[in-house]
N, C-alpha and C. Protein backbone atom coordinates (compact mmCIF):
# COMPACT_ATOMS: atom_id res chain seq x y z
N MET A 1 112.27 97.05 75.35
CA MET A 1 112.12 98.40 75.82
C MET A 1 112.51 98.44 77.30
N THR A 2 113.20 99.49 77.69
CA THR A 2 113.56 99.65 79.10
C THR A 2 112.41 100.29 79.87
N ILE A 3 112.49 100.22 81.17
CA ILE A 3 111.47 100.87 82.00
C ILE A 3 111.49 102.37 81.76
N ARG A 4 112.65 102.96 81.61
CA ARG A 4 112.75 104.40 81.34
C ARG A 4 112.05 104.75 80.03
N GLN A 5 112.28 103.94 78.99
CA GLN A 5 111.62 104.18 77.70
C GLN A 5 110.10 104.05 77.84
N LEU A 6 109.65 103.07 78.60
CA LEU A 6 108.22 102.89 78.84
C LEU A 6 107.62 104.13 79.50
N ILE A 7 108.27 104.62 80.53
CA ILE A 7 107.80 105.81 81.25
C ILE A 7 107.70 107.00 80.30
N ASP A 8 108.75 107.21 79.52
CA ASP A 8 108.80 108.36 78.62
C ASP A 8 107.80 108.25 77.47
N ARG A 9 107.77 107.10 76.82
CA ARG A 9 106.93 106.93 75.62
C ARG A 9 105.43 106.90 75.93
N LEU A 10 105.07 106.39 77.11
CA LEU A 10 103.66 106.29 77.47
C LEU A 10 103.24 107.40 78.44
N SER A 11 104.16 108.31 78.76
CA SER A 11 103.89 109.44 79.67
C SER A 11 103.28 108.96 80.99
N LEU A 12 104.00 108.05 81.65
CA LEU A 12 103.50 107.45 82.88
C LEU A 12 103.98 108.21 84.11
N ARG A 13 103.20 108.11 85.18
CA ARG A 13 103.59 108.67 86.48
C ARG A 13 104.42 107.64 87.23
N VAL A 14 105.51 108.08 87.84
CA VAL A 14 106.31 107.19 88.68
C VAL A 14 105.81 107.35 90.11
N LEU A 15 105.25 106.28 90.66
CA LEU A 15 104.71 106.29 92.01
C LEU A 15 105.72 105.76 93.02
N ALA A 16 106.61 104.89 92.55
CA ALA A 16 107.71 104.37 93.36
C ALA A 16 108.82 103.95 92.43
N GLY A 17 110.04 104.33 92.78
CA GLY A 17 111.19 103.98 91.97
C GLY A 17 111.68 102.59 92.29
N GLY A 18 112.19 101.92 91.28
CA GLY A 18 112.69 100.57 91.45
C GLY A 18 114.20 100.52 91.42
N ALA A 19 114.72 99.34 91.15
CA ALA A 19 116.16 99.11 91.19
C ALA A 19 116.88 99.85 90.06
N SER A 20 116.42 99.70 88.82
CA SER A 20 117.07 100.35 87.69
C SER A 20 116.07 100.61 86.58
N ASP A 21 116.02 101.86 86.12
CA ASP A 21 115.10 102.16 85.03
C ASP A 21 115.66 101.75 83.68
N GLU A 22 116.86 101.16 83.68
CA GLU A 22 117.44 100.62 82.45
C GLU A 22 117.15 99.13 82.29
N THR A 23 116.38 98.57 83.19
CA THR A 23 115.98 97.17 83.09
C THR A 23 115.15 96.97 81.82
N GLN A 24 115.53 95.95 81.04
CA GLN A 24 114.79 95.61 79.82
C GLN A 24 113.54 94.80 80.20
N LEU A 25 112.40 95.25 79.76
CA LEU A 25 111.16 94.52 80.01
C LEU A 25 111.06 93.36 79.02
N GLN A 26 110.66 92.20 79.53
CA GLN A 26 110.65 90.98 78.73
C GLN A 26 109.27 90.62 78.17
N GLY A 27 108.30 91.46 78.40
CA GLY A 27 106.95 91.19 77.93
C GLY A 27 105.96 91.91 78.81
N CYS A 28 104.69 91.54 78.67
CA CYS A 28 103.62 92.25 79.37
C CYS A 28 102.52 91.27 79.75
N TYR A 29 101.95 91.46 80.93
CA TYR A 29 100.81 90.66 81.38
C TYR A 29 99.77 91.60 81.97
N ILE A 30 98.51 91.38 81.63
CA ILE A 30 97.41 92.15 82.20
C ILE A 30 96.58 91.20 83.04
N GLY A 31 96.36 91.55 84.30
CA GLY A 31 95.52 90.71 85.13
C GLY A 31 95.39 91.24 86.54
N ASP A 32 94.30 90.83 87.18
CA ASP A 32 94.02 91.29 88.53
C ASP A 32 93.86 90.13 89.52
N LEU A 33 93.76 88.93 89.03
CA LEU A 33 93.66 87.76 89.91
C LEU A 33 95.09 87.33 90.24
N LEU A 34 95.48 87.54 91.49
CA LEU A 34 96.88 87.40 91.86
C LEU A 34 97.45 86.01 91.59
N SER A 35 96.67 84.97 91.81
CA SER A 35 97.16 83.62 91.54
C SER A 35 97.47 83.42 90.06
N ARG A 36 96.69 84.04 89.18
CA ARG A 36 96.96 83.95 87.74
C ARG A 36 98.21 84.75 87.38
N VAL A 37 98.39 85.88 88.02
CA VAL A 37 99.60 86.68 87.76
C VAL A 37 100.83 85.86 88.12
N ILE A 38 100.79 85.19 89.25
CA ILE A 38 101.92 84.38 89.68
C ILE A 38 102.21 83.28 88.67
N SER A 39 101.18 82.63 88.17
CA SER A 39 101.39 81.48 87.28
C SER A 39 101.53 81.83 85.81
N ARG A 40 101.08 83.00 85.39
CA ARG A 40 101.05 83.31 83.96
C ARG A 40 101.87 84.51 83.51
N SER A 41 102.31 85.34 84.43
CA SER A 41 103.02 86.56 84.03
C SER A 41 104.38 86.24 83.42
N VAL A 42 104.93 87.23 82.76
CA VAL A 42 106.22 87.10 82.10
C VAL A 42 107.31 87.50 83.10
N GLN A 43 108.20 86.57 83.40
CA GLN A 43 109.31 86.89 84.31
C GLN A 43 110.12 88.04 83.71
N GLY A 44 110.37 89.06 84.52
CA GLY A 44 111.11 90.22 84.03
C GLY A 44 110.27 91.18 83.21
N GLY A 45 108.96 91.01 83.27
CA GLY A 45 108.08 91.81 82.43
C GLY A 45 107.30 92.88 83.16
N LEU A 46 106.43 93.51 82.41
CA LEU A 46 105.53 94.54 82.90
C LEU A 46 104.21 93.89 83.30
N TRP A 47 103.66 94.32 84.44
CA TRP A 47 102.35 93.84 84.89
C TRP A 47 101.42 95.03 84.94
N ILE A 48 100.35 94.98 84.16
CA ILE A 48 99.33 96.03 84.14
C ILE A 48 98.13 95.53 84.93
N THR A 49 97.69 96.34 85.91
CA THR A 49 96.62 95.91 86.81
C THR A 49 95.84 97.11 87.35
N ILE A 50 94.71 96.81 87.98
CA ILE A 50 93.99 97.82 88.75
C ILE A 50 94.05 97.49 90.24
N MET A 51 94.73 96.42 90.59
CA MET A 51 94.90 96.06 92.00
C MET A 51 95.85 97.05 92.66
N ASN A 52 95.51 97.51 93.85
CA ASN A 52 96.37 98.50 94.49
C ASN A 52 96.57 98.23 95.98
N ASN A 53 96.58 96.97 96.36
CA ASN A 53 96.85 96.67 97.76
C ASN A 53 98.27 96.15 97.92
N LEU A 54 98.67 95.96 99.16
CA LEU A 54 100.04 95.57 99.47
C LEU A 54 100.43 94.23 98.84
N ASN A 55 99.46 93.37 98.56
CA ASN A 55 99.76 92.08 97.94
C ASN A 55 100.38 92.23 96.55
N VAL A 56 100.16 93.36 95.91
CA VAL A 56 100.75 93.60 94.59
C VAL A 56 102.27 93.52 94.67
N ALA A 57 102.86 94.13 95.67
CA ALA A 57 104.32 94.09 95.83
C ALA A 57 104.79 92.67 96.08
N ALA A 58 104.08 91.93 96.92
CA ALA A 58 104.48 90.55 97.22
C ALA A 58 104.42 89.68 95.97
N VAL A 59 103.38 89.82 95.18
CA VAL A 59 103.25 89.04 93.95
C VAL A 59 104.33 89.43 92.95
N ALA A 60 104.62 90.71 92.83
CA ALA A 60 105.67 91.15 91.91
C ALA A 60 107.02 90.55 92.29
N VAL A 61 107.32 90.51 93.57
CA VAL A 61 108.57 89.90 94.02
C VAL A 61 108.56 88.40 93.70
N LEU A 62 107.49 87.74 94.06
CA LEU A 62 107.37 86.29 93.86
C LEU A 62 107.48 85.91 92.39
N ALA A 63 106.89 86.71 91.51
CA ALA A 63 106.86 86.40 90.08
C ALA A 63 108.00 87.06 89.31
N ASP A 64 108.91 87.72 90.01
CA ASP A 64 110.05 88.40 89.39
C ASP A 64 109.60 89.42 88.34
N ILE A 65 108.71 90.30 88.77
CA ILE A 65 108.18 91.37 87.91
C ILE A 65 108.80 92.68 88.38
N PRO A 66 109.62 93.33 87.55
CA PRO A 66 110.30 94.56 87.99
C PRO A 66 109.47 95.83 87.88
N CYS A 67 108.30 95.74 87.22
CA CYS A 67 107.54 96.95 86.93
C CYS A 67 106.04 96.67 86.93
N VAL A 68 105.31 97.39 87.80
CA VAL A 68 103.86 97.26 87.89
C VAL A 68 103.26 98.59 87.45
N LEU A 69 102.25 98.51 86.60
CA LEU A 69 101.59 99.70 86.08
C LEU A 69 100.12 99.68 86.49
N LEU A 70 99.72 100.66 87.30
CA LEU A 70 98.33 100.79 87.74
C LEU A 70 97.56 101.57 86.68
N ALA A 71 96.52 100.96 86.15
CA ALA A 71 95.73 101.54 85.07
C ALA A 71 94.49 102.24 85.61
N GLU A 72 93.79 102.94 84.71
CA GLU A 72 92.49 103.54 84.97
C GLU A 72 92.49 104.56 86.10
N GLY A 73 93.62 105.20 86.34
CA GLY A 73 93.70 106.23 87.37
C GLY A 73 93.67 105.71 88.79
N VAL A 74 93.89 104.42 88.95
CA VAL A 74 93.90 103.83 90.29
C VAL A 74 95.02 104.46 91.12
N GLU A 75 94.68 104.87 92.32
CA GLU A 75 95.66 105.48 93.23
C GLU A 75 96.41 104.39 93.99
N ALA A 76 97.67 104.66 94.29
CA ALA A 76 98.47 103.72 95.06
C ALA A 76 98.56 104.20 96.51
N PRO A 77 98.17 103.36 97.46
CA PRO A 77 98.32 103.76 98.85
C PRO A 77 99.79 103.86 99.23
N GLU A 78 100.05 104.65 100.24
CA GLU A 78 101.43 104.90 100.66
C GLU A 78 102.18 103.62 101.01
N ASP A 79 101.51 102.67 101.67
CA ASP A 79 102.20 101.44 102.05
C ASP A 79 102.64 100.64 100.83
N LEU A 80 101.85 100.66 99.76
CA LEU A 80 102.24 99.97 98.53
C LEU A 80 103.43 100.65 97.88
N CYS A 81 103.42 101.96 97.82
CA CYS A 81 104.55 102.71 97.25
C CYS A 81 105.83 102.42 98.02
N GLU A 82 105.74 102.44 99.34
CA GLU A 82 106.91 102.19 100.18
C GLU A 82 107.44 100.78 99.99
N LYS A 83 106.55 99.80 99.95
CA LYS A 83 106.97 98.40 99.79
C LYS A 83 107.60 98.16 98.42
N CYS A 84 107.03 98.74 97.38
CA CYS A 84 107.61 98.60 96.05
C CYS A 84 109.01 99.20 96.01
N ALA A 85 109.17 100.39 96.57
CA ALA A 85 110.50 101.02 96.60
C ALA A 85 111.48 100.16 97.38
N GLU A 86 111.04 99.62 98.50
CA GLU A 86 111.88 98.76 99.34
C GLU A 86 112.31 97.50 98.58
N GLU A 87 111.42 96.96 97.78
CA GLU A 87 111.69 95.71 97.04
C GLU A 87 112.34 95.95 95.68
N GLY A 88 112.53 97.22 95.30
CA GLY A 88 113.16 97.52 94.01
C GLY A 88 112.23 97.36 92.82
N ILE A 89 110.94 97.53 93.04
CA ILE A 89 109.94 97.39 91.98
C ILE A 89 109.46 98.77 91.57
N PHE A 90 109.47 99.04 90.28
CA PHE A 90 108.89 100.29 89.79
C PHE A 90 107.37 100.17 89.86
N LEU A 91 106.74 101.18 90.43
CA LEU A 91 105.28 101.27 90.47
C LEU A 91 104.91 102.52 89.68
N LEU A 92 104.17 102.31 88.61
CA LEU A 92 103.81 103.40 87.70
C LEU A 92 102.30 103.57 87.67
N GLY A 93 101.85 104.72 87.18
CA GLY A 93 100.42 104.98 87.10
C GLY A 93 100.03 105.65 85.81
N SER A 94 98.78 105.43 85.41
CA SER A 94 98.22 106.06 84.22
C SER A 94 96.70 106.11 84.34
N ASP A 95 96.10 107.09 83.68
CA ASP A 95 94.64 107.18 83.62
C ASP A 95 94.06 106.32 82.50
N ARG A 96 94.91 105.80 81.63
CA ARG A 96 94.45 105.01 80.49
C ARG A 96 94.02 103.61 80.93
N SER A 97 93.22 102.95 80.09
CA SER A 97 92.77 101.59 80.39
C SER A 97 93.91 100.60 80.21
N ALA A 98 93.75 99.43 80.80
CA ALA A 98 94.75 98.38 80.65
C ALA A 98 94.95 98.02 79.18
N TYR A 99 93.86 97.95 78.44
CA TYR A 99 93.95 97.65 77.01
C TYR A 99 94.77 98.71 76.28
N GLU A 100 94.46 99.98 76.51
CA GLU A 100 95.19 101.06 75.85
C GLU A 100 96.68 101.02 76.20
N LEU A 101 96.98 100.73 77.45
CA LEU A 101 98.38 100.68 77.88
C LEU A 101 99.12 99.51 77.24
N ALA A 102 98.48 98.35 77.20
CA ALA A 102 99.12 97.18 76.57
C ALA A 102 99.32 97.41 75.08
N ALA A 103 98.34 98.02 74.42
CA ALA A 103 98.47 98.32 73.00
C ALA A 103 99.61 99.31 72.76
N ALA A 104 99.71 100.32 73.59
CA ALA A 104 100.79 101.31 73.45
C ALA A 104 102.14 100.66 73.72
N TYR A 105 102.20 99.76 74.69
CA TYR A 105 103.44 99.03 74.97
C TYR A 105 103.85 98.23 73.73
N ALA A 106 102.91 97.50 73.15
CA ALA A 106 103.20 96.68 71.97
C ALA A 106 103.63 97.53 70.78
N GLN A 107 102.98 98.67 70.58
CA GLN A 107 103.31 99.54 69.45
C GLN A 107 104.69 100.18 69.59
N ASN A 108 105.17 100.29 70.81
CA ASN A 108 106.46 100.93 71.04
C ASN A 108 107.62 99.94 71.14
N GLN A 109 107.34 98.67 70.90
CA GLN A 109 108.41 97.68 70.91
C GLN A 109 109.24 97.83 69.64
N PRO A 110 110.55 97.61 69.76
CA PRO A 110 111.40 97.72 68.56
C PRO A 110 111.12 96.62 67.55
């Protein structure tokens, strides 16, 4: 599934635009402990989290994650939105839980 398809199918808010919404997502990881995200996430995948500080952008770059999805209505501070846009990372938002978002992602896979 592409990032554009993810946004459309899950009705997500775009908080910061990334490099290309035609990027194919390679999987999904849910987590909030940044060291685990670095070591366990799927390269080229979607990261679902409730973390909303500037370190999110740094971890996404380090782990080669093109798309971060903030769950549970978590707001993104302006500095995080700016850094994600600068680094070419899509930052998305939803009021749904991480579980609901991951399940919807899985159900919408071809």
